């Protein structure tokens, strides 16, 4: 009791293990046994309490895992060793859905934009010059005609 588990940047504390007769969706008989672990998971914003169940029904072992969707954790109570008083848990972790954006700053991007501006200014000057030359040639043709 009170043991600490570390996984996926979170800390879990085994608070208590108790025998239970209430298991959701399963009716227990006289010869059946169920054990519930109470685990507190310390999240970044709040604490989560989960209760995975280990049960023996009709001489068959069953496990009822608990899932914390916010943290991407699934904890299963795997085994109880009465000789040593130890408990075994299985922890399945998954990544939460993230979109990772990597922003890079290019060192000479300003030089590229300055070059683009120079090319556009040169294009504008060339257009004005060509238009003026065309206007002069058109005037000469009108005078000759």
N, C-alpha and C. Protein backbone atom coordinates (compact mmCIF):
# COMPACT_ATOMS: atom_id res chain seq x y z
N UNK A 1 0.83 -1.18 0.00
CA UNK A 1 0.00 0.00 0.00
C UNK A 1 0.88 1.25 0.00
N UNK A 2 0.40 2.26 -0.68
CA UNK A 2 1.14 3.50 -0.72
C UNK A 2 2.31 3.49 -1.69
N UNK A 3 2.44 2.41 -2.47
CA UNK A 3 3.54 2.33 -3.42
C UNK A 3 3.27 3.28 -4.58
N UNK A 4 4.34 3.79 -5.17
CA UNK A 4 4.24 4.78 -6.24
C UNK A 4 4.68 4.17 -7.56
N UNK A 5 3.92 4.45 -8.61
CA UNK A 5 4.22 3.99 -9.97
C UNK A 5 4.45 5.21 -10.86
N UNK A 6 5.38 5.10 -11.78
CA UNK A 6 5.66 6.20 -12.72
C UNK A 6 5.43 5.69 -14.14
N UNK A 7 4.66 6.44 -14.92
CA UNK A 7 4.44 6.10 -16.32
C UNK A 7 3.92 7.31 -17.08
N UNK A 8 4.37 7.47 -18.30
CA UNK A 8 3.89 8.52 -19.22
C UNK A 8 3.88 9.91 -18.57
N UNK A 9 4.90 10.26 -17.85
CA UNK A 9 5.01 11.55 -17.17
C UNK A 9 3.96 11.74 -16.08
N UNK A 10 3.40 10.67 -15.57
CA UNK A 10 2.42 10.76 -14.50
C UNK A 10 2.85 9.87 -13.34
N UNK A 11 2.31 10.17 -12.18
CA UNK A 11 2.60 9.40 -10.97
C UNK A 11 1.29 8.80 -10.49
N UNK A 12 1.34 7.52 -10.12
CA UNK A 12 0.16 6.84 -9.57
C UNK A 12 0.52 6.29 -8.20
N UNK A 13 -0.44 6.34 -7.30
CA UNK A 13 -0.24 5.86 -5.94
C UNK A 13 -1.30 4.79 -5.66
N UNK A 14 -0.82 3.61 -5.25
CA UNK A 14 -1.73 2.53 -4.86
C UNK A 14 -2.22 2.83 -3.45
N UNK A 15 -3.49 3.24 -3.33
CA UNK A 15 -4.02 3.66 -2.04
C UNK A 15 -4.54 2.50 -1.21
N UNK A 16 -5.26 1.57 -1.85
CA UNK A 16 -5.88 0.51 -1.08
C UNK A 16 -6.25 -0.64 -1.99
N UNK A 17 -6.28 -1.85 -1.45
CA UNK A 17 -6.78 -3.03 -2.15
C UNK A 17 -7.78 -3.70 -1.22
N UNK A 18 -9.02 -3.82 -1.69
CA UNK A 18 -10.07 -4.37 -0.84
C UNK A 18 -10.85 -5.45 -1.58
N UNK A 19 -11.41 -6.36 -0.81
CA UNK A 19 -12.29 -7.37 -1.38
C UNK A 19 -13.64 -6.70 -1.65
N UNK A 20 -14.26 -7.09 -2.76
CA UNK A 20 -15.54 -6.49 -3.13
C UNK A 20 -16.51 -7.56 -3.60
N UNK A 21 -17.77 -7.26 -3.48
CA UNK A 21 -18.79 -8.16 -4.00
C UNK A 21 -19.54 -7.53 -5.17
N UNK A 22 -19.29 -6.26 -5.42
CA UNK A 22 -19.93 -5.55 -6.53
C UNK A 22 -18.96 -5.38 -7.68
N UNK A 23 -19.23 -6.08 -8.75
CA UNK A 23 -18.47 -5.90 -9.99
C UNK A 23 -19.49 -5.63 -11.08
N UNK A 24 -19.29 -4.56 -11.81
CA UNK A 24 -20.27 -4.15 -12.82
C UNK A 24 -20.44 -5.22 -13.89
N UNK A 25 -21.69 -5.65 -14.07
CA UNK A 25 -22.01 -6.60 -15.12
C UNK A 25 -21.71 -8.05 -14.80
N UNK A 26 -21.23 -8.35 -13.58
CA UNK A 26 -20.87 -9.72 -13.22
C UNK A 26 -21.50 -10.03 -11.87
N UNK A 27 -22.20 -11.18 -11.81
CA UNK A 27 -22.76 -11.60 -10.52
C UNK A 27 -21.83 -12.64 -9.92
N UNK A 28 -21.44 -12.42 -8.68
CA UNK A 28 -20.51 -13.31 -8.00
C UNK A 28 -21.26 -14.30 -7.12
N UNK A 29 -20.80 -15.55 -7.15
CA UNK A 29 -21.39 -16.59 -6.32
C UNK A 29 -20.66 -16.73 -5.00
N UNK A 30 -20.98 -17.79 -4.25
CA UNK A 30 -20.36 -18.00 -2.94
C UNK A 30 -18.88 -18.36 -3.04
N UNK A 31 -18.52 -19.10 -4.06
CA UNK A 31 -17.13 -19.54 -4.21
C UNK A 31 -16.30 -18.58 -5.06
N UNK A 32 -16.87 -17.45 -5.45
CA UNK A 32 -16.17 -16.47 -6.27
C UNK A 32 -15.56 -15.39 -5.38
N UNK A 33 -14.50 -14.80 -5.88
CA UNK A 33 -13.83 -13.73 -5.13
C UNK A 33 -13.45 -12.61 -6.09
N UNK A 34 -13.50 -11.38 -5.60
CA UNK A 34 -13.10 -10.21 -6.40
C UNK A 34 -12.33 -9.25 -5.50
N UNK A 35 -11.28 -8.69 -6.07
CA UNK A 35 -10.45 -7.73 -5.35
C UNK A 35 -10.37 -6.46 -6.19
N UNK A 36 -10.56 -5.31 -5.54
CA UNK A 36 -10.54 -4.02 -6.23
C UNK A 36 -9.38 -3.20 -5.71
N UNK A 37 -8.58 -2.68 -6.62
CA UNK A 37 -7.48 -1.79 -6.25
C UNK A 37 -7.93 -0.35 -6.45
N UNK A 38 -7.61 0.48 -5.48
CA UNK A 38 -7.92 1.90 -5.59
C UNK A 38 -6.61 2.64 -5.84
N UNK A 39 -6.53 3.21 -7.03
CA UNK A 39 -5.30 3.88 -7.47
C UNK A 39 -5.63 5.34 -7.76
N UNK A 40 -4.78 6.22 -7.27
CA UNK A 40 -4.92 7.66 -7.54
C UNK A 40 -3.81 8.05 -8.50
N UNK A 41 -4.20 8.60 -9.66
CA UNK A 41 -3.24 9.04 -10.67
C UNK A 41 -3.17 10.56 -10.62
N UNK A 42 -1.98 11.08 -10.44
CA UNK A 42 -1.78 12.53 -10.35
C UNK A 42 -1.56 13.08 -11.75
N UNK A 43 -2.57 13.75 -12.28
CA UNK A 43 -2.47 14.36 -13.60
C UNK A 43 -1.90 15.76 -13.50
N UNK A 44 -1.78 16.41 -14.63
CA UNK A 44 -1.23 17.77 -14.63
C UNK A 44 -2.20 18.78 -14.05
N UNK A 45 -3.50 18.59 -14.33
CA UNK A 45 -4.49 19.56 -13.86
C UNK A 45 -5.32 19.04 -12.71
N UNK A 46 -5.52 17.71 -12.62
CA UNK A 46 -6.33 17.17 -11.54
C UNK A 46 -5.92 15.72 -11.26
N UNK A 47 -6.44 15.19 -10.17
CA UNK A 47 -6.17 13.79 -9.82
C UNK A 47 -7.31 12.91 -10.33
N UNK A 48 -6.96 11.69 -10.71
CA UNK A 48 -7.93 10.72 -11.21
C UNK A 48 -7.93 9.51 -10.27
N UNK A 49 -9.12 9.00 -9.95
CA UNK A 49 -9.23 7.78 -9.15
C UNK A 49 -9.76 6.68 -10.05
N UNK A 50 -9.04 5.56 -10.05
CA UNK A 50 -9.48 4.41 -10.84
C UNK A 50 -9.48 3.18 -9.96
N UNK A 51 -10.29 2.20 -10.36
CA UNK A 51 -10.45 1.00 -9.57
C UNK A 51 -10.50 -0.23 -10.48
N UNK A 52 -9.33 -0.74 -10.90
CA UNK A 52 -9.34 -1.98 -11.68
C UNK A 52 -9.67 -3.16 -10.76
N UNK A 53 -10.28 -4.21 -11.34
CA UNK A 53 -10.76 -5.34 -10.55
C UNK A 53 -10.10 -6.63 -11.03
N UNK A 54 -9.72 -7.47 -10.06
CA UNK A 54 -9.22 -8.82 -10.31
C UNK A 54 -10.22 -9.77 -9.68
N UNK A 55 -10.73 -10.73 -10.49
CA UNK A 55 -11.73 -11.61 -9.93
C UNK A 55 -11.49 -13.05 -10.32
N UNK A 56 -12.00 -13.93 -9.46
CA UNK A 56 -11.97 -15.37 -9.73
C UNK A 56 -13.43 -15.83 -9.67
N UNK A 57 -13.91 -16.33 -10.81
CA UNK A 57 -15.31 -16.78 -10.92
C UNK A 57 -15.32 -18.15 -11.57
N UNK A 58 -15.91 -19.09 -10.92
CA UNK A 58 -15.98 -20.47 -11.42
C UNK A 58 -14.60 -21.01 -11.76
N UNK A 59 -13.64 -20.76 -10.89
CA UNK A 59 -12.25 -21.20 -11.03
C UNK A 59 -11.55 -20.61 -12.28
N UNK A 60 -12.07 -19.53 -12.77
CA UNK A 60 -11.45 -18.83 -13.91
C UNK A 60 -11.10 -17.41 -13.47
N UNK A 61 -9.96 -16.95 -13.95
CA UNK A 61 -9.49 -15.61 -13.58
C UNK A 61 -10.06 -14.60 -14.57
N UNK A 62 -10.53 -13.48 -14.04
CA UNK A 62 -11.03 -12.39 -14.88
C UNK A 62 -10.42 -11.07 -14.44
N UNK A 63 -10.31 -10.19 -15.38
CA UNK A 63 -9.74 -8.87 -15.09
C UNK A 63 -10.64 -7.81 -15.71
N UNK A 64 -10.94 -6.79 -14.93
CA UNK A 64 -11.74 -5.66 -15.42
C UNK A 64 -10.84 -4.43 -15.37
N UNK A 65 -10.31 -4.00 -16.53
CA UNK A 65 -9.39 -2.86 -16.52
C UNK A 65 -10.14 -1.53 -16.39
N UNK A 66 -9.41 -0.51 -16.02
CA UNK A 66 -9.94 0.86 -15.96
C UNK A 66 -9.14 1.72 -16.92
N UNK A 67 -9.81 2.64 -17.57
CA UNK A 67 -9.18 3.50 -18.57
C UNK A 67 -9.38 4.96 -18.22
N UNK A 68 -8.32 5.74 -18.38
CA UNK A 68 -8.40 7.20 -18.24
C UNK A 68 -8.13 7.77 -19.63
N UNK A 69 -9.18 8.19 -20.31
CA UNK A 69 -9.05 8.69 -21.68
C UNK A 69 -8.22 9.97 -21.76
N UNK A 70 -8.36 10.83 -20.75
CA UNK A 70 -7.64 12.11 -20.77
C UNK A 70 -6.13 11.92 -20.77
N UNK A 71 -5.66 10.89 -20.09
CA UNK A 71 -4.23 10.66 -19.96
C UNK A 71 -3.71 9.59 -20.92
N UNK A 72 -4.61 8.87 -21.55
CA UNK A 72 -4.20 7.80 -22.45
C UNK A 72 -3.67 6.59 -21.69
N UNK A 73 -4.29 6.26 -20.56
CA UNK A 73 -3.83 5.15 -19.71
C UNK A 73 -4.91 4.09 -19.57
N UNK A 74 -4.45 2.85 -19.52
CA UNK A 74 -5.34 1.72 -19.22
C UNK A 74 -4.61 0.85 -18.22
N UNK A 75 -5.18 0.69 -17.04
CA UNK A 75 -4.54 -0.07 -15.97
C UNK A 75 -5.36 -1.33 -15.71
N UNK A 76 -4.67 -2.47 -15.70
CA UNK A 76 -5.30 -3.76 -15.46
C UNK A 76 -4.67 -4.40 -14.23
N UNK A 77 -5.49 -4.93 -13.37
CA UNK A 77 -5.05 -5.65 -12.17
C UNK A 77 -4.77 -7.09 -12.62
N UNK A 78 -3.50 -7.48 -12.72
CA UNK A 78 -3.14 -8.77 -13.29
C UNK A 78 -3.12 -9.92 -12.29
N UNK A 79 -2.54 -9.71 -11.13
CA UNK A 79 -2.33 -10.85 -10.25
C UNK A 79 -2.23 -10.41 -8.80
N UNK A 80 -2.60 -11.32 -7.91
CA UNK A 80 -2.43 -11.15 -6.47
C UNK A 80 -1.62 -12.33 -5.98
N UNK A 81 -0.53 -12.06 -5.28
CA UNK A 81 0.29 -13.12 -4.70
C UNK A 81 0.08 -13.12 -3.19
N UNK A 82 -0.74 -14.06 -2.66
CA UNK A 82 -1.01 -14.04 -1.22
C UNK A 82 0.19 -14.42 -0.37
N UNK A 83 1.16 -15.15 -0.96
CA UNK A 83 2.35 -15.55 -0.21
C UNK A 83 3.18 -14.33 0.21
N UNK A 84 3.41 -13.45 -0.77
CA UNK A 84 4.25 -12.28 -0.50
C UNK A 84 3.44 -11.02 -0.24
N UNK A 85 2.14 -11.07 -0.55
CA UNK A 85 1.31 -9.87 -0.37
C UNK A 85 1.56 -8.83 -1.44
N UNK A 86 2.01 -9.26 -2.61
CA UNK A 86 2.30 -8.31 -3.69
C UNK A 86 1.21 -8.36 -4.76
N UNK A 87 1.12 -7.28 -5.49
CA UNK A 87 0.12 -7.14 -6.55
C UNK A 87 0.84 -6.83 -7.85
N UNK A 88 0.28 -7.31 -8.95
CA UNK A 88 0.86 -7.06 -10.27
C UNK A 88 -0.16 -6.30 -11.11
N UNK A 89 0.30 -5.22 -11.73
CA UNK A 89 -0.56 -4.40 -12.58
C UNK A 89 0.05 -4.32 -13.98
N UNK A 90 -0.81 -4.18 -14.97
CA UNK A 90 -0.38 -3.94 -16.34
C UNK A 90 -0.83 -2.54 -16.72
N UNK A 91 0.07 -1.79 -17.30
CA UNK A 91 -0.25 -0.42 -17.68
C UNK A 91 -0.01 -0.27 -19.17
N UNK A 92 -1.06 0.06 -19.90
CA UNK A 92 -0.96 0.33 -21.33
C UNK A 92 -1.07 1.83 -21.53
N UNK A 93 -0.10 2.37 -22.22
CA UNK A 93 -0.12 3.81 -22.47
C UNK A 93 -0.21 4.06 -23.95
N UNK A 94 -0.82 5.16 -24.29
CA UNK A 94 -0.87 5.58 -25.69
C UNK A 94 -0.70 7.08 -25.72
N UNK A 95 -0.31 7.55 -26.84
CA UNK A 95 -0.12 8.99 -26.99
C UNK A 95 -1.47 9.66 -27.20
N UNK A 96 -1.62 10.82 -26.62
CA UNK A 96 -2.80 11.61 -26.90
C UNK A 96 -2.65 12.18 -28.29
N UNK A 97 -3.78 12.53 -28.90
CA UNK A 97 -3.74 13.08 -30.25
C UNK A 97 -3.23 14.51 -30.20
N UNK A 98 -2.08 14.71 -30.84
CA UNK A 98 -1.48 16.03 -30.91
C UNK A 98 -1.17 16.38 -32.35
N UNK A 99 -1.16 17.64 -32.63
CA UNK A 99 -0.63 18.13 -33.90
C UNK A 99 0.63 18.90 -33.55
N UNK A 100 1.73 18.46 -34.12
CA UNK A 100 3.00 19.09 -33.81
C UNK A 100 3.38 19.99 -34.99
N UNK A 101 3.58 21.24 -34.70
CA UNK A 101 3.97 22.22 -35.71
C UNK A 101 5.38 22.67 -35.39
N UNK A 102 6.24 22.58 -36.38
CA UNK A 102 7.61 22.99 -36.19
C UNK A 102 7.84 24.28 -36.98
N UNK A 103 8.16 25.34 -36.29
CA UNK A 103 8.38 26.63 -36.93
C UNK A 103 9.89 26.84 -37.07
N UNK A 104 10.31 27.08 -38.29
CA UNK A 104 11.72 27.31 -38.56
C UNK A 104 11.91 28.73 -39.06
N UNK A 105 12.98 29.34 -38.66
CA UNK A 105 13.31 30.67 -39.16
C UNK A 105 14.48 30.52 -40.10
N UNK A 106 14.25 30.87 -41.34
CA UNK A 106 15.32 30.80 -42.34
C UNK A 106 16.19 32.05 -42.19
N UNK A 107 17.49 31.86 -42.22
CA UNK A 107 18.42 32.94 -41.90
C UNK A 107 18.38 34.07 -42.93
N UNK A 108 18.32 33.78 -44.21
CA UNK A 108 18.43 34.82 -45.24
C UNK A 108 17.13 35.02 -46.00
N UNK A 109 15.99 34.81 -45.36
CA UNK A 109 14.70 34.99 -46.03
C UNK A 109 14.48 36.46 -46.38
N UNK A 110 15.03 37.38 -45.57
CA UNK A 110 14.87 38.81 -45.87
C UNK A 110 15.58 39.18 -47.17
N UNK A 111 16.71 38.56 -47.45
CA UNK A 111 17.43 38.81 -48.70
C UNK A 111 16.57 38.38 -49.88
N UNK A 112 15.88 37.26 -49.76
CA UNK A 112 14.99 36.79 -50.82
C UNK A 112 13.88 37.80 -51.09
N UNK A 113 13.27 38.33 -50.03
CA UNK A 113 12.18 39.29 -50.22
C UNK A 113 12.70 40.61 -50.80
N UNK A 114 13.88 41.03 -50.39
CA UNK A 114 14.47 42.25 -50.97
C UNK A 114 14.73 42.05 -52.46
N UNK A 115 15.25 40.89 -52.83
CA UNK A 115 15.49 40.58 -54.24
C UNK A 115 14.20 40.56 -55.04
N UNK A 116 13.14 40.02 -54.46
CA UNK A 116 11.84 40.00 -55.14
C UNK A 116 11.35 41.43 -55.37
N UNK A 117 11.49 42.29 -54.35
CA UNK A 117 11.06 43.68 -54.50
C UNK A 117 11.87 44.39 -55.58
N UNK A 118 13.17 44.15 -55.66
CA UNK A 118 14.02 44.78 -56.69
C UNK A 118 13.59 44.34 -58.08
N UNK A 119 13.29 43.06 -58.24
CA UNK A 119 12.84 42.55 -59.54
C UNK A 119 11.52 43.19 -59.94
N UNK A 120 10.57 43.34 -59.01
CA UNK A 120 9.28 43.96 -59.32
C UNK A 120 9.45 45.44 -59.68
N UNK A 121 10.32 46.14 -58.97
CA UNK A 121 10.57 47.56 -59.31
C UNK A 121 11.18 47.67 -60.69
N UNK A 122 12.14 46.79 -60.98
CA UNK A 122 12.75 46.80 -62.32
C UNK A 122 11.75 46.48 -63.40
N UNK A 123 10.85 45.55 -63.15
CA UNK A 123 9.80 45.21 -64.11
C UNK A 123 8.89 46.41 -64.36
N UNK A 124 8.53 47.13 -63.27
CA UNK A 124 7.69 48.31 -63.42
C UNK A 124 8.38 49.41 -64.22
N UNK A 125 9.66 49.64 -63.95
CA UNK A 125 10.41 50.67 -64.70
C UNK A 125 10.50 50.29 -66.17
N UNK A 126 10.76 49.03 -66.48
CA UNK A 126 10.85 48.58 -67.87
C UNK A 126 9.52 48.74 -68.58
N UNK A 127 8.41 48.46 -67.90
CA UNK A 127 7.09 48.62 -68.53
C UNK A 127 6.83 50.08 -68.88
N UNK A 128 7.16 50.98 -67.93
CA UNK A 128 6.94 52.42 -68.19
C UNK A 128 7.80 52.87 -69.36
N UNK A 129 9.06 52.44 -69.41
CA UNK A 129 9.97 52.84 -70.49
C UNK A 129 9.48 52.32 -71.84
N UNK A 130 9.05 51.08 -71.88
CA UNK A 130 8.55 50.50 -73.13
C UNK A 130 7.29 51.23 -73.59
N UNK A 131 6.40 51.58 -72.66
CA UNK A 131 5.19 52.29 -73.03
C UNK A 131 5.52 53.66 -73.62
N UNK A 132 6.47 54.35 -72.99
CA UNK A 132 6.87 55.66 -73.52
C UNK A 132 7.48 55.53 -74.91
N UNK A 133 8.34 54.52 -75.10
CA UNK A 133 8.94 54.31 -76.44
C UNK A 133 7.86 53.97 -77.45
N UNK A 134 6.88 53.15 -77.07
CA UNK A 134 5.80 52.80 -77.98
C UNK A 134 4.99 54.03 -78.34
N UNK A 135 4.75 54.93 -77.36
CA UNK A 135 3.99 56.14 -77.61
C UNK A 135 4.75 57.05 -78.59
N UNK A 136 6.07 57.13 -78.44
CA UNK A 136 6.88 57.96 -79.35
C UNK A 136 6.82 57.39 -80.76
N UNK A 137 6.96 56.06 -80.90
CA UNK A 137 6.93 55.43 -82.23
C UNK A 137 5.56 55.61 -82.85
N UNK A 138 4.50 55.51 -82.09
CA UNK A 138 3.14 55.68 -82.61
C UNK A 138 2.93 57.11 -83.12
N UNK A 139 3.46 58.10 -82.38
CA UNK A 139 3.34 59.51 -82.80
C UNK A 139 4.08 59.75 -84.13
N UNK A 140 5.26 59.14 -84.28
CA UNK A 140 6.02 59.30 -85.52
C UNK A 140 5.26 58.69 -86.69
N UNK A 141 4.64 57.54 -86.48
CA UNK A 141 3.89 56.90 -87.56
C UNK A 141 2.69 57.75 -87.96
N UNK A 142 2.05 58.43 -86.99
CA UNK A 142 0.93 59.28 -87.30
C UNK A 142 1.37 60.50 -88.12
N UNK A 143 2.57 61.02 -87.79
CA UNK A 143 3.06 62.18 -88.53
C UNK A 143 3.43 61.79 -89.94
N UNK A 144 3.97 60.61 -90.14
CA UNK A 144 4.37 60.18 -91.48
C UNK A 144 3.15 59.82 -92.34
N UNK A 145 2.13 59.44 -91.71
CA UNK A 145 0.98 59.01 -92.50
C UNK A 145 0.14 60.16 -92.96
